[in-house]
Amino acid sequence: MMDYVNAFWVGGLICALVQILMEKTKLMPGRIMVLLVVTGAVISFLGWYEPFQEYAGAGAGVPLLGFGNVLMKGVREAVDEQGLLGLFAGGFKAGAVGTAAALIFGYLASLVFKSKMKR
């Protein structure tokens, strides 16, 4: 039961902090998303993300911080296997499934809900 509680409050805290960042700064949403991915990658690089994700579960793995962690893990593995070339290939390989799923499900949702441009 505590796994669910920890995932809920950690994920909620991340979302609340991002919402405050959106409300109190003039940063565009795209820049905030990039900031989250880079923050997740840096935390992963420092070795802090695994204990954080073990404690928070999906509350840490689902937000964009988790995507940064996935990219960094892919880069780390590819560099170990391929050397410097893995620096460029690892993130693409690790993030390909999630990116492809987002594109496919986004397209299917646009067909079902007849999306329109904002005015």
PDB file of N, CA and C in Angstrom:
ATOM      1  N   MET A   1       0.826  -1.198   0.000  1.00  0.00           N
ATOM      2  CA  MET A   1       0.000   0.000   0.000  1.00  0.00           C
ATOM      3  C   MET A   1       0.868   1.258   0.000  1.00  0.00           C
ATOM      4  N   MET A   2       1.991   1.221   0.728  1.00  0.00           N
ATOM      5  CA  MET A   2       2.854   2.404   0.776  1.00  0.00           C
ATOM      6  C   MET A   2       3.488   2.712  -0.570  1.00  0.00           C
ATOM      7  N   ASP A   3       3.661   1.689  -1.433  1.00  0.00           N
ATOM      8  CA  ASP A   3       4.199   1.952  -2.768  1.00  0.00           C
ATOM      9  C   ASP A   3       3.278   2.896  -3.529  1.00  0.00           C
ATOM     10  N   TYR A   4       1.973   2.679  -3.418  1.00  0.00           N
ATOM     11  CA  TYR A   4       1.000   3.537  -4.089  1.00  0.00           C
ATOM     12  C   TYR A   4       1.006   4.942  -3.504  1.00  0.00           C
ATOM     13  N   VAL A   5       1.098   5.025  -2.192  1.00  0.00           N
ATOM     14  CA  VAL A   5       1.102   6.331  -1.524  1.00  0.00           C
ATOM     15  C   VAL A   5       2.344   7.126  -1.924  1.00  0.00           C
ATOM     16  N   ASN A   6       3.500   6.464  -1.918  1.00  0.00           N
ATOM     17  CA  ASN A   6       4.738   7.155  -2.296  1.00  0.00           C
ATOM     18  C   ASN A   6       4.714   7.593  -3.758  1.00  0.00           C
ATOM     19  N   ALA A   7       4.217   6.738  -4.632  1.00  0.00           N
ATOM     20  CA  ALA A   7       4.116   7.113  -6.043  1.00  0.00           C
ATOM     21  C   ALA A   7       3.176   8.302  -6.211  1.00  0.00           C
ATOM     22  N   PHE A   8       2.091   8.308  -5.476  1.00  0.00           N
ATOM     23  CA  PHE A   8       1.111   9.383  -5.592  1.00  0.00           C
ATOM     24  C   PHE A   8       1.683  10.709  -5.120  1.00  0.00           C
ATOM     25  N   TRP A   9       2.301  10.724  -3.932  1.00  0.00           N
ATOM     26  CA  TRP A   9       2.731  12.022  -3.416  1.00  0.00           C
ATOM     27  C   TRP A   9       3.980  12.531  -4.144  1.00  0.00           C
ATOM     28  N   VAL A  10       4.881  11.645  -4.562  1.00  0.00           N
ATOM     29  CA  VAL A  10       6.069  12.098  -5.287  1.00  0.00           C
ATOM     30  C   VAL A  10       5.688  12.606  -6.673  1.00  0.00           C
ATOM     31  N   GLY A  11       4.863  11.844  -7.386  1.00  0.00           N
ATOM     32  CA  GLY A  11       4.408  12.301  -8.703  1.00  0.00           C
ATOM     33  C   GLY A  11       3.611  13.585  -8.603  1.00  0.00           C
ATOM     34  N   GLY A  12       2.775  13.686  -7.576  1.00  0.00           N
ATOM     35  CA  GLY A  12       1.993  14.908  -7.369  1.00  0.00           C
ATOM     36  C   GLY A  12       2.876  16.092  -7.046  1.00  0.00           C
ATOM     37  N   LEU A  13       3.924  15.869  -6.255  1.00  0.00           N
ATOM     38  CA  LEU A  13       4.850  16.946  -5.919  1.00  0.00           C
ATOM     39  C   LEU A  13       5.594  17.435  -7.149  1.00  0.00           C
ATOM     40  N   ILE A  14       6.037  16.505  -7.986  1.00  0.00           N
ATOM     41  CA  ILE A  14       6.713  16.888  -9.228  1.00  0.00           C
ATOM     42  C   ILE A  14       5.777  17.728 -10.092  1.00  0.00           C
ATOM     43  N   CYS A  15       4.549  17.277 -10.247  1.00  0.00           N
ATOM     44  CA  CYS A  15       3.576  18.014 -11.058  1.00  0.00           C
ATOM     45  C   CYS A  15       3.255  19.379 -10.455  1.00  0.00           C
ATOM     46  N   ALA A  16       3.136  19.447  -9.129  1.00  0.00           N
ATOM     47  CA  ALA A  16       2.847  20.721  -8.473  1.00  0.00           C
ATOM     48  C   ALA A  16       4.006  21.698  -8.655  1.00  0.00           C
ATOM     49  N   LEU A  17       5.246  21.219  -8.528  1.00  0.00           N
ATOM     50  CA  LEU A  17       6.394  22.096  -8.727  1.00  0.00           C
ATOM     51  C   LEU A  17       6.474  22.608 -10.163  1.00  0.00           C
ATOM     52  N   VAL A  18       6.165  21.749 -11.106  1.00  0.00           N
ATOM     53  CA  VAL A  18       6.162  22.171 -12.507  1.00  0.00           C
ATOM     54  C   VAL A  18       5.046  23.193 -12.749  1.00  0.00           C
ATOM     55  N   GLN A  19       3.891  22.977 -12.145  1.00  0.00           N
ATOM     56  CA  GLN A  19       2.792  23.933 -12.299  1.00  0.00           C
ATOM     57  C   GLN A  19       3.162  25.296 -11.719  1.00  0.00           C
ATOM     58  N   ILE A  20       3.819  25.294 -10.565  1.00  0.00           N
ATOM     59  CA  ILE A  20       4.280  26.554  -9.977  1.00  0.00           C
ATOM     60  C   ILE A  20       5.296  27.224 -10.898  1.00  0.00           C
ATOM     61  N   LEU A  21       6.204  26.435 -11.469  1.00  0.00           N
ATOM     62  CA  LEU A  21       7.186  26.973 -12.406  1.00  0.00           C
ATOM     63  C   LEU A  21       6.497  27.598 -13.616  1.00  0.00           C
ATOM     64  N   MET A  22       5.449  26.956 -14.105  1.00  0.00           N
ATOM     65  CA  MET A  22       4.711  27.492 -15.251  1.00  0.00           C
ATOM     66  C   MET A  22       3.975  28.786 -14.902  1.00  0.00           C
ATOM     67  N   GLU A  23       3.419  28.845 -13.705  1.00  0.00           N
ATOM     68  CA  GLU A  23       2.632  30.007 -13.304  1.00  0.00           C
ATOM     69  C   GLU A  23       3.504  31.211 -12.937  1.00  0.00           C
ATOM     70  N   LYS A  24       4.646  30.969 -12.298  1.00  0.00           N
ATOM     71  CA  LYS A  24       5.445  32.058 -11.732  1.00  0.00           C
ATOM     72  C   LYS A  24       6.587  32.538 -12.629  1.00  0.00           C
ATOM     73  N   THR A  25       6.852  31.833 -13.718  1.00  0.00           N
ATOM     74  CA  THR A  25       7.906  32.267 -14.632  1.00  0.00           C
ATOM     75  C   THR A  25       7.302  32.481 -16.013  1.00  0.00           C
ATOM     76  N   LYS A  26       8.094  33.044 -16.880  1.00  0.00           N
ATOM     77  CA  LYS A  26       7.650  33.249 -18.259  1.00  0.00           C
ATOM     78  C   LYS A  26       8.198  32.175 -19.195  1.00  0.00           C
ATOM     79  N   LEU A  27       8.650  31.050 -18.595  1.00  0.00           N
ATOM     80  CA  LEU A  27       9.168  29.957 -19.411  1.00  0.00           C
ATOM     81  C   LEU A  27       8.046  29.318 -20.215  1.00  0.00           C
ATOM     82  N   MET A  28       8.342  29.033 -21.462  1.00  0.00           N
ATOM     83  CA  MET A  28       7.384  28.363 -22.328  1.00  0.00           C
ATOM     84  C   MET A  28       7.302  26.889 -21.925  1.00  0.00           C
ATOM     85  N   PRO A  29       6.142  26.241 -22.142  1.00  0.00           N
ATOM     86  CA  PRO A  29       5.993  24.834 -21.750  1.00  0.00           C
ATOM     87  C   PRO A  29       7.039  23.907 -22.360  1.00  0.00           C
ATOM     88  N   GLY A  30       7.424  24.153 -23.591  1.00  0.00           N
ATOM     89  CA  GLY A  30       8.449  23.320 -24.223  1.00  0.00           C
ATOM     90  C   GLY A  30       9.778  23.397 -23.500  1.00  0.00           C
ATOM     91  N   ARG A  31      10.126  24.589 -23.046  1.00  0.00           N
ATOM     92  CA  ARG A  31      11.386  24.747 -22.315  1.00  0.00           C
ATOM     93  C   ARG A  31      11.315  24.072 -20.951  1.00  0.00           C
ATOM     94  N   ILE A  32      10.168  24.104 -20.335  1.00  0.00           N
ATOM     95  CA  ILE A  32       9.997  23.426 -19.050  1.00  0.00           C
ATOM     96  C   ILE A  32      10.113  21.917 -19.238  1.00  0.00           C
ATOM     97  N   MET A  33       9.541  21.397 -20.321  1.00  0.00           N
ATOM     98  CA  MET A  33       9.660  19.963 -20.585  1.00  0.00           C
ATOM     99  C   MET A  33      11.110  19.567 -20.817  1.00  0.00           C
ATOM    100  N   VAL A  34      11.852  20.376 -21.562  1.00  0.00           N
ATOM    101  CA  VAL A  34      13.268  20.096 -21.783  1.00  0.00           C
ATOM    102  C   VAL A  34      14.026  20.167 -20.461  1.00  0.00           C
ATOM    103  N   LEU A  35      13.683  21.132 -19.621  1.00  0.00           N
ATOM    104  CA  LEU A  35      14.315  21.249 -18.312  1.00  0.00           C
ATOM    105  C   LEU A  35      14.090  19.993 -17.474  1.00  0.00           C
ATOM    106  N   LEU A  36      12.895  19.434 -17.538  1.00  0.00           N
ATOM    107  CA  LEU A  36      12.600  18.212 -16.789  1.00  0.00           C
ATOM    108  C   LEU A  36      13.399  17.022 -17.312  1.00  0.00           C
ATOM    109  N   VAL A  37      13.477  16.874 -18.621  1.00  0.00           N
ATOM    110  CA  VAL A  37      14.233  15.758 -19.195  1.00  0.00           C
ATOM    111  C   VAL A  37      15.714  15.879 -18.843  1.00  0.00           C
ATOM    112  N   VAL A  38      16.257  17.083 -18.966  1.00  0.00           N
ATOM    113  CA  VAL A  38      17.673  17.288 -18.651  1.00  0.00           C
ATOM    114  C   VAL A  38      17.922  17.062 -17.156  1.00  0.00           C
ATOM    115  N   THR A  39      17.002  17.519 -16.308  1.00  0.00           N
ATOM    116  CA  THR A  39      17.143  17.297 -14.870  1.00  0.00           C
ATOM    117  C   THR A  39      17.156  15.803 -14.555  1.00  0.00           C
ATOM    118  N   GLY A  40      16.266  15.045 -15.185  1.00  0.00           N
ATOM    119  CA  GLY A  40      16.252  13.598 -14.983  1.00  0.00           C
ATOM    120  C   GLY A  40      17.544  12.947 -15.443  1.00  0.00           C
ATOM    121  N   ALA A  41      18.102  13.430 -16.564  1.00  0.00           N
ATOM    122  CA  ALA A  41      19.357  12.877 -17.060  1.00  0.00           C
ATOM    123  C   ALA A  41      20.512  13.211 -16.113  1.00  0.00           C
ATOM    124  N   VAL A  42      20.531  14.418 -15.587  1.00  0.00           N
ATOM    125  CA  VAL A  42      21.605  14.814 -14.668  1.00  0.00           C
ATOM    126  C   VAL A  42      21.512  14.018 -13.366  1.00  0.00           C
ATOM    127  N   ILE A  43      20.302  13.873 -12.844  1.00  0.00           N
ATOM    128  CA  ILE A  43      20.121  13.090 -11.620  1.00  0.00           C
ATOM    129  C   ILE A  43      20.546  11.640 -11.851  1.00  0.00           C
ATOM    130  N   SER A  44      20.246  11.121 -13.029  1.00  0.00           N
ATOM    131  CA  SER A  44      20.670   9.758 -13.374  1.00  0.00           C
ATOM    132  C   SER A  44      22.183   9.672 -13.479  1.00  0.00           C
ATOM    133  N   PHE A  45      22.794  10.665 -14.111  1.00  0.00           N
ATOM    134  CA  PHE A  45      24.252  10.692 -14.245  1.00  0.00           C
ATOM    135  C   PHE A  45      24.937  10.691 -12.882  1.00  0.00           C
ATOM    136  N   LEU A  46      24.369  11.411 -11.932  1.00  0.00           N
ATOM    137  CA  LEU A  46      24.949  11.484 -10.593  1.00  0.00           C
ATOM    138  C   LEU A  46      24.710  10.207  -9.779  1.00  0.00           C
ATOM    139  N   GLY A  47      23.840   9.322 -10.295  1.00  0.00           N
ATOM    140  CA  GLY A  47      23.563   8.067  -9.615  1.00  0.00           C
ATOM    141  C   GLY A  47      22.474   8.163  -8.557  1.00  0.00           C
ATOM    142  N   TRP A  48      21.713   9.234  -8.564  1.00  0.00           N
ATOM    143  CA  TRP A  48      20.675   9.437  -7.555  1.00  0.00           C
ATOM    144  C   TRP A  48      19.308   8.965  -8.015  1.00  0.00           C
ATOM    145  N   TYR A  49      19.144   8.716  -9.311  1.00  0.00           N
ATOM    146  CA  TYR A  49      17.799   8.424  -9.814  1.00  0.00           C
ATOM    147  C   TYR A  49      17.316   7.031  -9.419  1.00  0.00           C
ATOM    148  N   GLU A  50      18.195   6.047  -9.432  1.00  0.00           N
ATOM    149  CA  GLU A  50      17.776   4.682  -9.096  1.00  0.00           C
ATOM    150  C   GLU A  50      17.210   4.579  -7.677  1.00  0.00           C
ATOM    151  N   PRO A  51      17.896   5.120  -6.640  1.00  0.00           N
ATOM    152  CA  PRO A  51      17.282   5.065  -5.306  1.00  0.00           C
ATOM    153  C   PRO A  51      15.982   5.869  -5.230  1.00  0.00           C
ATOM    154  N   PHE A  52      15.949   6.990  -5.938  1.00  0.00           N
ATOM    155  CA  PHE A  52      14.740   7.820  -5.976  1.00  0.00           C
ATOM    156  C   PHE A  52      13.584   7.052  -6.599  1.00  0.00           C
ATOM    157  N   GLN A  53      13.839   6.366  -7.712  1.00  0.00           N
ATOM    158  CA  GLN A  53      12.784   5.613  -8.381  1.00  0.00           C
ATOM    159  C   GLN A  53      12.393   4.375  -7.584  1.00  0.00           C
ATOM    160  N   GLU A  54      13.336   3.783  -6.888  1.00  0.00           N
ATOM    161  CA  GLU A  54      12.995   2.639  -6.052  1.00  0.00           C
ATOM    162  C   GLU A  54      12.038   3.046  -4.933  1.00  0.00           C
ATOM    163  N   TYR A  55      12.229   4.241  -4.391  1.00  0.00           N
ATOM    164  CA  TYR A  55      11.346   4.745  -3.334  1.00  0.00           C
ATOM    165  C   TYR A  55       9.994   5.178  -3.902  1.00  0.00           C
ATOM    166  N   ALA A  56      10.017   5.922  -5.004  1.00  0.00           N
ATOM    167  CA  ALA A  56       8.793   6.552  -5.510  1.00  0.00           C
ATOM    168  C   ALA A  56       8.074   5.720  -6.564  1.00  0.00           C
ATOM    169  N   GLY A  57       8.699   4.732  -7.134  1.00  0.00           N
ATOM    170  CA  GLY A  57       8.043   3.894  -8.137  1.00  0.00           C
ATOM    171  C   GLY A  57       7.606   4.698  -9.347  1.00  0.00           C
ATOM    172  N   ALA A  58       6.351   4.508  -9.753  1.00  0.00           N
ATOM    173  CA  ALA A  58       5.827   5.180 -10.936  1.00  0.00           C
ATOM    174  C   ALA A  58       5.768   6.690 -10.756  1.00  0.00           C
ATOM    175  N   GLY A  59       5.740   7.172  -9.529  1.00  0.00           N
ATOM    176  CA  GLY A  59       5.741   8.612  -9.287  1.00  0.00           C
ATOM    177  C   GLY A  59       7.013   9.279  -9.784  1.00  0.00           C
ATOM    178  N   ALA A  60       8.083   8.516  -9.895  1.00  0.00           N
ATOM    179  CA  ALA A  60       9.345   9.035 -10.416  1.00  0.00           C
ATOM    180  C   ALA A  60       9.596   8.568 -11.843  1.00  0.00           C
ATOM    181  N   GLY A  61       9.045   7.432 -12.227  1.00  0.00           N
ATOM    182  CA  GLY A  61       9.339   6.869 -13.539  1.00  0.00           C
ATOM    183  C   GLY A  61       8.474   7.384 -14.660  1.00  0.00           C
ATOM    184  N   VAL A  62       7.284   7.852 -14.354  1.00  0.00           N
ATOM    185  CA  VAL A  62       6.349   8.254 -15.398  1.00  0.00           C
ATOM    186  C   VAL A  62       6.550   9.692 -15.878  1.00  0.00           C
ATOM    187  N   PRO A  63       6.817  10.672 -15.001  1.00  0.00           N
ATOM    188  CA  PRO A  63       6.996  12.045 -15.502  1.00  0.00           C
ATOM    189  C   PRO A  63       8.211  12.170 -16.408  1.00  0.00           C
ATOM    190  N   LEU A  64       8.402  13.334 -16.971  1.00  0.00           N
ATOM    191  CA  LEU A  64       9.511  13.547 -17.898  1.00  0.00           C
ATOM    192  C   LEU A  64      10.877  13.353 -17.260  1.00  0.00           C
ATOM    193  N   LEU A  65      10.956  13.448 -15.950  1.00  0.00           N
ATOM    194  CA  LEU A  65      12.217  13.114 -15.284  1.00  0.00           C
ATOM    195  C   LEU A  65      12.615  11.678 -15.606  1.00  0.00           C
ATOM    196  N   GLY A  66      11.645  10.785 -15.650  1.00  0.00           N
ATOM    197  CA  GLY A  66      11.898   9.387 -15.964  1.00  0.00           C
ATOM    198  C   GLY A  66      12.407   9.191 -17.378  1.00  0.00           C
ATOM    199  N   PHE A  67      11.930  10.018 -18.312  1.00  0.00           N
ATOM    200  CA  PHE A  67      12.402   9.922 -19.686  1.00  0.00           C
ATOM    201  C   PHE A  67      13.872  10.328 -19.766  1.00  0.00           C
ATOM    202  N   GLY A  68      14.257  11.353 -19.019  1.00  0.00           N
ATOM    203  CA  GLY A  68      15.667  11.737 -18.965  1.00  0.00           C
ATOM    204  C   GLY A  68      16.531  10.621 -18.410  1.00  0.00           C
ATOM    205  N   ASN A  69      16.006   9.928 -17.404  1.00  0.00           N
ATOM    206  CA  ASN A  69      16.714   8.784 -16.828  1.00  0.00           C
ATOM    207  C   ASN A  69      16.880   7.671 -17.855  1.00  0.00           C
ATOM    208  N   VAL A  70      15.833   7.378 -18.607  1.00  0.00           N
ATOM    209  CA  VAL A  70      15.900   6.334 -19.639  1.00  0.00           C
ATOM    210  C   VAL A  70      16.950   6.700 -20.691  1.00  0.00           C
ATOM    211  N   LEU A  71      16.958   7.957 -21.121  1.00  0.00           N
ATOM    212  CA  LEU A  71      17.940   8.382 -22.114  1.00  0.00           C
ATOM    213  C   LEU A  71      19.367   8.239 -21.581  1.00  0.00           C
ATOM    214  N   MET A  72      19.580   8.660 -20.335  1.00  0.00           N
ATOM    215  CA  MET A  72      20.926   8.578 -19.766  1.00  0.00           C
ATOM    216  C   MET A  72      21.377   7.130 -19.598  1.00  0.00           C
ATOM    217  N   LYS A  73      20.478   6.251 -19.179  1.00  0.00           N
ATOM    218  CA  LYS A  73      20.840   4.839 -19.060  1.00  0.00           C
ATOM    219  C   LYS A  73      21.204   4.265 -20.420  1.00  0.00           C
ATOM    220  N   GLY A  74      20.450   4.630 -21.459  1.00  0.00           N
ATOM    221  CA  GLY A  74      20.757   4.157 -22.803  1.00  0.00           C
ATOM    222  C   GLY A  74      22.102   4.647 -23.295  1.00  0.00           C
ATOM    223  N   VAL A  75      22.405   5.909 -23.015  1.00  0.00           N
ATOM    224  CA  VAL A  75      23.700   6.460 -23.416  1.00  0.00           C
ATOM    225  C   VAL A  75      24.824   5.763 -22.665  1.00  0.00           C
ATOM    226  N   ARG A  76      24.647   5.561 -21.376  1.00  0.00           N
ATOM    227  CA  ARG A  76      25.683   4.914 -20.565  1.00  0.00           C
ATOM    228  C   ARG A  76      25.970   3.500 -21.087  1.00  0.00           C
ATOM    229  N   GLU A  77      24.918   2.735 -21.369  1.00  0.00           N
ATOM    230  CA  GLU A  77      25.109   1.369 -21.875  1.00  0.00           C
ATOM    231  C   GLU A  77      25.768   1.362 -23.249  1.00  0.00           C
ATOM    232  N   ALA A  78      25.340   2.282 -24.119  1.00  0.00           N
ATOM    233  CA  ALA A  78      25.897   2.320 -25.466  1.00  0.00           C
ATOM    234  C   ALA A  78      27.353   2.761 -25.460  1.00  0.00           C
ATOM    235  N   VAL A  79      27.716   3.669 -24.578  1.00  0.00           N
ATOM    236  CA  VAL A  79      29.117   4.090 -24.485  1.00  0.00           C
ATOM    237  C   VAL A  79      29.975   2.938 -23.984  1.00  0.00           C
ATOM    238  N   ASP A  80      29.452   2.153 -23.050  1.00  0.00           N
ATOM    239  CA  ASP A  80      30.202   0.992 -22.573  1.00  0.00           C
ATOM    240  C   ASP A  80      30.429  -0.027 -23.685  1.00  0.00           C
ATOM    241  N   GLU A  81      29.446  -0.178 -24.572  1.00  0.00           N
ATOM    242  CA  GLU A  81      29.544  -1.170 -25.643  1.00  0.00           C
ATOM    243  C   GLU A  81      30.287  -0.648 -26.870  1.00  0.00           C
ATOM    244  N   GLN A  82      30.004   0.602 -27.277  1.00  0.00           N
ATOM    245  CA  GLN A  82      30.487   1.110 -28.558  1.00  0.00           C
ATOM    246  C   GLN A  82      31.520   2.226 -28.446  1.00  0.00           C
ATOM    247  N   GLY A  83      31.798   2.669 -27.272  1.00  0.00           N
ATOM    248  CA  GLY A  83      32.733   3.779 -27.117  1.00  0.00           C
ATOM    249  C   GLY A  83      32.056   5.105 -27.399  1.00  0.00           C
ATOM    250  N   LEU A  84      32.800   6.036 -27.969  1.00  0.00           N
ATOM    251  CA  LEU A  84      32.297   7.391 -28.196  1.00  0.00           C
ATOM    252  C   LEU A  84      31.079   7.429 -29.103  1.00  0.00           C
ATOM    253  N   LEU A  85      30.987   6.522 -30.063  1.00  0.00           N
ATOM    254  CA  LEU A  85      29.838   6.487 -30.961  1.00  0.00           C
ATOM    255  C   LEU A  85      28.544   6.223 -30.193  1.00  0.00           C
ATOM    256  N   GLY A  86      28.619   5.493 -29.104  1.00  0.00           N
ATOM    257  CA  GLY A  86      27.446   5.214 -28.282  1.00  0.00           C
ATOM    258  C   GLY A  86      26.859   6.453 -27.649  1.00  0.00           C
ATOM    259  N   LEU A  87      27.664   7.501 -27.521  1.00  0.00           N
ATOM    260  CA  LEU A  87      27.177   8.766 -26.982  1.00  0.00           C
ATOM    261  C   LEU A  87      26.051   9.323 -27.843  1.00  0.00           C
ATOM    262  N   PHE A  88      26.138   9.095 -29.142  1.00  0.00           N
ATOM    263  CA  PHE A  88      25.133   9.619 -30.062  1.00  0.00           C
ATOM    264  C   PHE A  88      23.982   8.640 -30.298  1.00  0.00           C
ATOM    265  N   ALA A  89      24.247   7.356 -30.230  1.00  0.00           N
ATOM    266  CA  ALA A  89      23.239   6.353 -30.561  1.00  0.00           C
ATOM    267  C   ALA A  89      22.426   5.877 -29.368  1.00  0.00           C
ATOM    268  N   GLY A  90      22.991   5.903 -28.181  1.00  0.00           N
ATOM    269  CA  GLY A  90      22.360   5.296 -27.017  1.00  0.00           C
ATOM    270  C   GLY A  90      21.020   5.892 -26.635  1.00  0.00           C
ATOM    271  N   GLY A  91      20.920   7.210 -26.641  1.00  0.00           N
ATOM    272  CA  GLY A  91      19.666   7.855 -26.279  1.00  0.00           C
ATOM    273  C   GLY A  91      18.548   7.556 -27.266  1.00  0.00           C
ATOM    274  N   PHE A  92      18.897   7.508 -28.552  1.00  0.00           N
ATOM    275  CA  PHE A  92      17.887   7.194 -29.568  1.00  0.00           C
ATOM    276  C   PHE A  92      17.357   5.778 -29.401  1.00  0.00           C
ATOM    277  N   LYS A  93      18.270   4.857 -29.157  1.00  0.00           N
ATOM    278  CA  LYS A  93      17.867   3.458 -29.009  1.00  0.00           C
ATOM    279  C   LYS A  93      17.007   3.266 -27.763  1.00  0.00           C
ATOM    280  N   ALA A  94      17.403   3.884 -26.657  1.00  0.00           N
ATOM    281  CA  ALA A  94      16.670   3.720 -25.405  1.00  0.00           C
ATOM    282  C   ALA A  94      15.310   4.396 -25.430  1.00  0.00           C
ATOM    283  N   GLY A  95      15.212   5.528 -26.097  1.00  0.00           N
ATOM    284  CA  GLY A  95      13.958   6.274 -26.095  1.00  0.00           C
ATOM    285  C   GLY A  95      13.041   5.995 -27.269  1.00  0.00           C
ATOM    286  N   ALA A  96      13.437   5.095 -28.154  1.00  0.00           N
ATOM    287  CA  ALA A  96      12.679   4.866 -29.384  1.00  0.00           C
ATOM    288  C   ALA A  96      11.279   4.316 -29.126  1.00  0.00           C
ATOM    289  N   VAL A  97      11.149   3.367 -28.232  1.00  0.00           N
ATOM    290  CA  VAL A  97       9.843   2.741 -28.000  1.00  0.00           C
ATOM    291  C   VAL A  97       8.857   3.749 -27.417  1.00  0.00           C
ATOM    292  N   GLY A  98       9.286   4.509 -26.418  1.00  0.00           N
ATOM    293  CA  GLY A  98       8.399   5.496 -25.814  1.00  0.00           C
ATOM    294  C   GLY A  98       8.007   6.591 -26.779  1.00  0.00           C
ATOM    295  N   THR A  99       8.954   7.043 -27.585  1.00  0.00           N
ATOM    296  CA  THR A  99       8.672   8.089 -28.557  1.00  0.00           C
ATOM    297  C   THR A  99       7.723   7.584 -29.638  1.00  0.00           C
ATOM    298  N   ALA A 100       7.970   6.384 -30.130  1.00  0.00           N
ATOM    299  CA  ALA A 100       7.094   5.808 -31.151  1.00  0.00           C
ATOM    300  C   ALA A 100       5.680   5.607 -30.609  1.00  0.00           C
ATOM    301  N   ALA A 101       5.558   5.127 -29.380  1.00  0.00           N
ATOM    302  CA  ALA A 101       4.234   4.934 -28.776  1.00  0.00           C
ATOM    303  C   ALA A 101       3.508   6.257 -28.635  1.00  0.00           C
ATOM    304  N   ALA A 102       4.215   7.308 -28.217  1.00  0.00           N
ATOM    305  CA  ALA A 102       3.577   8.621 -28.079  1.00  0.00           C
ATOM    306  C   ALA A 102       3.077   9.132 -29.426  1.00  0.00           C
ATOM    307  N   LEU A 103       3.867   8.943 -30.465  1.00  0.00           N
ATOM    308  CA  LEU A 103       3.445   9.391 -31.799  1.00  0.00           C
ATOM    309  C   LEU A 103       2.239   8.596 -32.297  1.00  0.00           C
ATOM    310  N   ILE A 104       2.282   7.295 -32.153  1.00  0.00           N
ATOM    311  CA  ILE A 104       1.188   6.446 -32.647  1.00  0.00           C
ATOM    312  C   ILE A 104      -0.099   6.720 -31.883  1.00  0.00           C
ATOM    313  N   PHE A 105      -0.033   6.744 -30.551  1.00  0.00           N
ATOM    314  CA  PHE A 105      -1.244   6.972 -29.766  1.00  0.00           C
ATOM    315  C   PHE A 105      -1.758   8.398 -29.922  1.00  0.00           C
ATOM    316  N   GLY A 106      -0.868   9.360 -30.112  1.00  0.00           N
ATOM    317  CA  GLY A 106      -1.294  10.732 -30.378  1.00  0.00           C
ATOM    318  C   GLY A 106      -2.027  10.833 -31.701  1.00  0.00           C
ATOM    319  N   TYR A 107      -1.516  10.139 -32.714  1.00  0.00           N
ATOM    320  CA  TYR A 107      -2.187  10.144 -34.018  1.00  0.00           C
ATOM    321  C   TYR A 107      -3.553   9.474 -33.928  1.00  0.00           C
ATOM    322  N   LEU A 108      -3.620   8.329 -33.254  1.00  0.00           N
ATOM    323  CA  LEU A 108      -4.908   7.639 -33.111  1.00  0.00           C
ATOM    324  C   LEU A 108      -5.910   8.495 -32.339  1.00  0.00           C
ATOM    325  N   ALA A 109      -5.451   9.178 -31.305  1.00  0.00           N
ATOM    326  CA  ALA A 109      -6.342  10.058 -30.546  1.00  0.00           C
ATOM    327  C   ALA A 109      -6.835  11.203 -31.418  1.00  0.00           C
ATOM    328  N   SER A 110      -5.995  11.713 -32.318  1.00  0.00           N
ATOM    329  CA  SER A 110      -6.426  12.801 -33.198  1.00  0.00           C
ATOM    330  C   SER A 110      -7.486  12.320 -34.187  1.00  0.00           C
ATOM    331  N   LEU A 111      -7.431  11.055 -34.574  1.00  0.00           N
ATOM    332  CA  LEU A 111      -8.455  10.513 -35.460  1.00  0.00           C
ATOM    333  C   LEU A 111      -9.787  10.333 -34.733  1.00  0.00           C
ATOM    334  N   VAL A 112      -9.721   9.877 -33.501  1.00  0.00           N
ATOM    335  CA  VAL A 112     -10.933   9.607 -32.735  1.00  0.00           C
ATOM    336  C   VAL A 112     -11.620  10.904 -32.313  1.00  0.00           C
ATOM    337  N   PHE A 113     -10.844  11.890 -31.874  1.00  0.00           N
ATOM    338  CA  PHE A 113     -11.426  13.093 -31.289  1.00  0.00           C
ATOM    339  C   PHE A 113     -11.454  14.287 -32.234  1.00  0.00           C
ATOM    340  N   LYS A 114     -11.078  14.133 -33.485  1.00  0.00           N
ATOM    341  CA  LYS A 114     -11.127  15.198 -34.489  1.00  0.00           C
ATOM    342  C   LYS A 114     -10.517  16.496 -33.949  1.00  0.00           C
ATOM    343  N   SER A 115      -9.223  16.480 -33.756  1.00  0.00           N
ATOM    344  CA  SER A 115      -8.528  17.642 -33.202  1.00  0.00           C
ATOM    345  C   SER A 115      -8.620  18.855 -34.124  1.00  0.00           C
ATOM    346  N   LYS A 116      -8.578  20.027 -33.505  1.00  0.00           N
ATOM    347  CA  LYS A 116      -8.632  21.306 -34.243  1.00  0.00           C
ATOM    348  C   LYS A 116      -7.487  22.185 -33.778  1.00  0.00           C
ATOM    349  N   MET A 117      -7.092  23.107 -34.618  1.00  0.00           N
ATOM    350  CA  MET A 117      -6.055  24.071 -34.253  1.00  0.00           C
ATOM    351  C   MET A 117      -6.658  25.110 -33.323  1.00  0.00           C
ATOM    352  N   LYS A 118      -5.860  25.604 -32.370  1.00  0.00           N
ATOM    353  CA  LYS A 118      -6.321  26.688 -31.485  1.00  0.00           C
ATOM    354  C   LYS A 118      -6.301  27.991 -32.246  1.00  0.00           C
ATOM    355  N   ARG A 119      -7.187  28.891 -31.883  1.00  0.00           N
ATOM    356  CA  ARG A 119      -7.218  30.209 -32.544  1.00  0.00           C
ATOM    357  C   ARG A 119      -6.762  31.282 -31.628  1.00  0.00           C
TER     358      ARG A 119
END
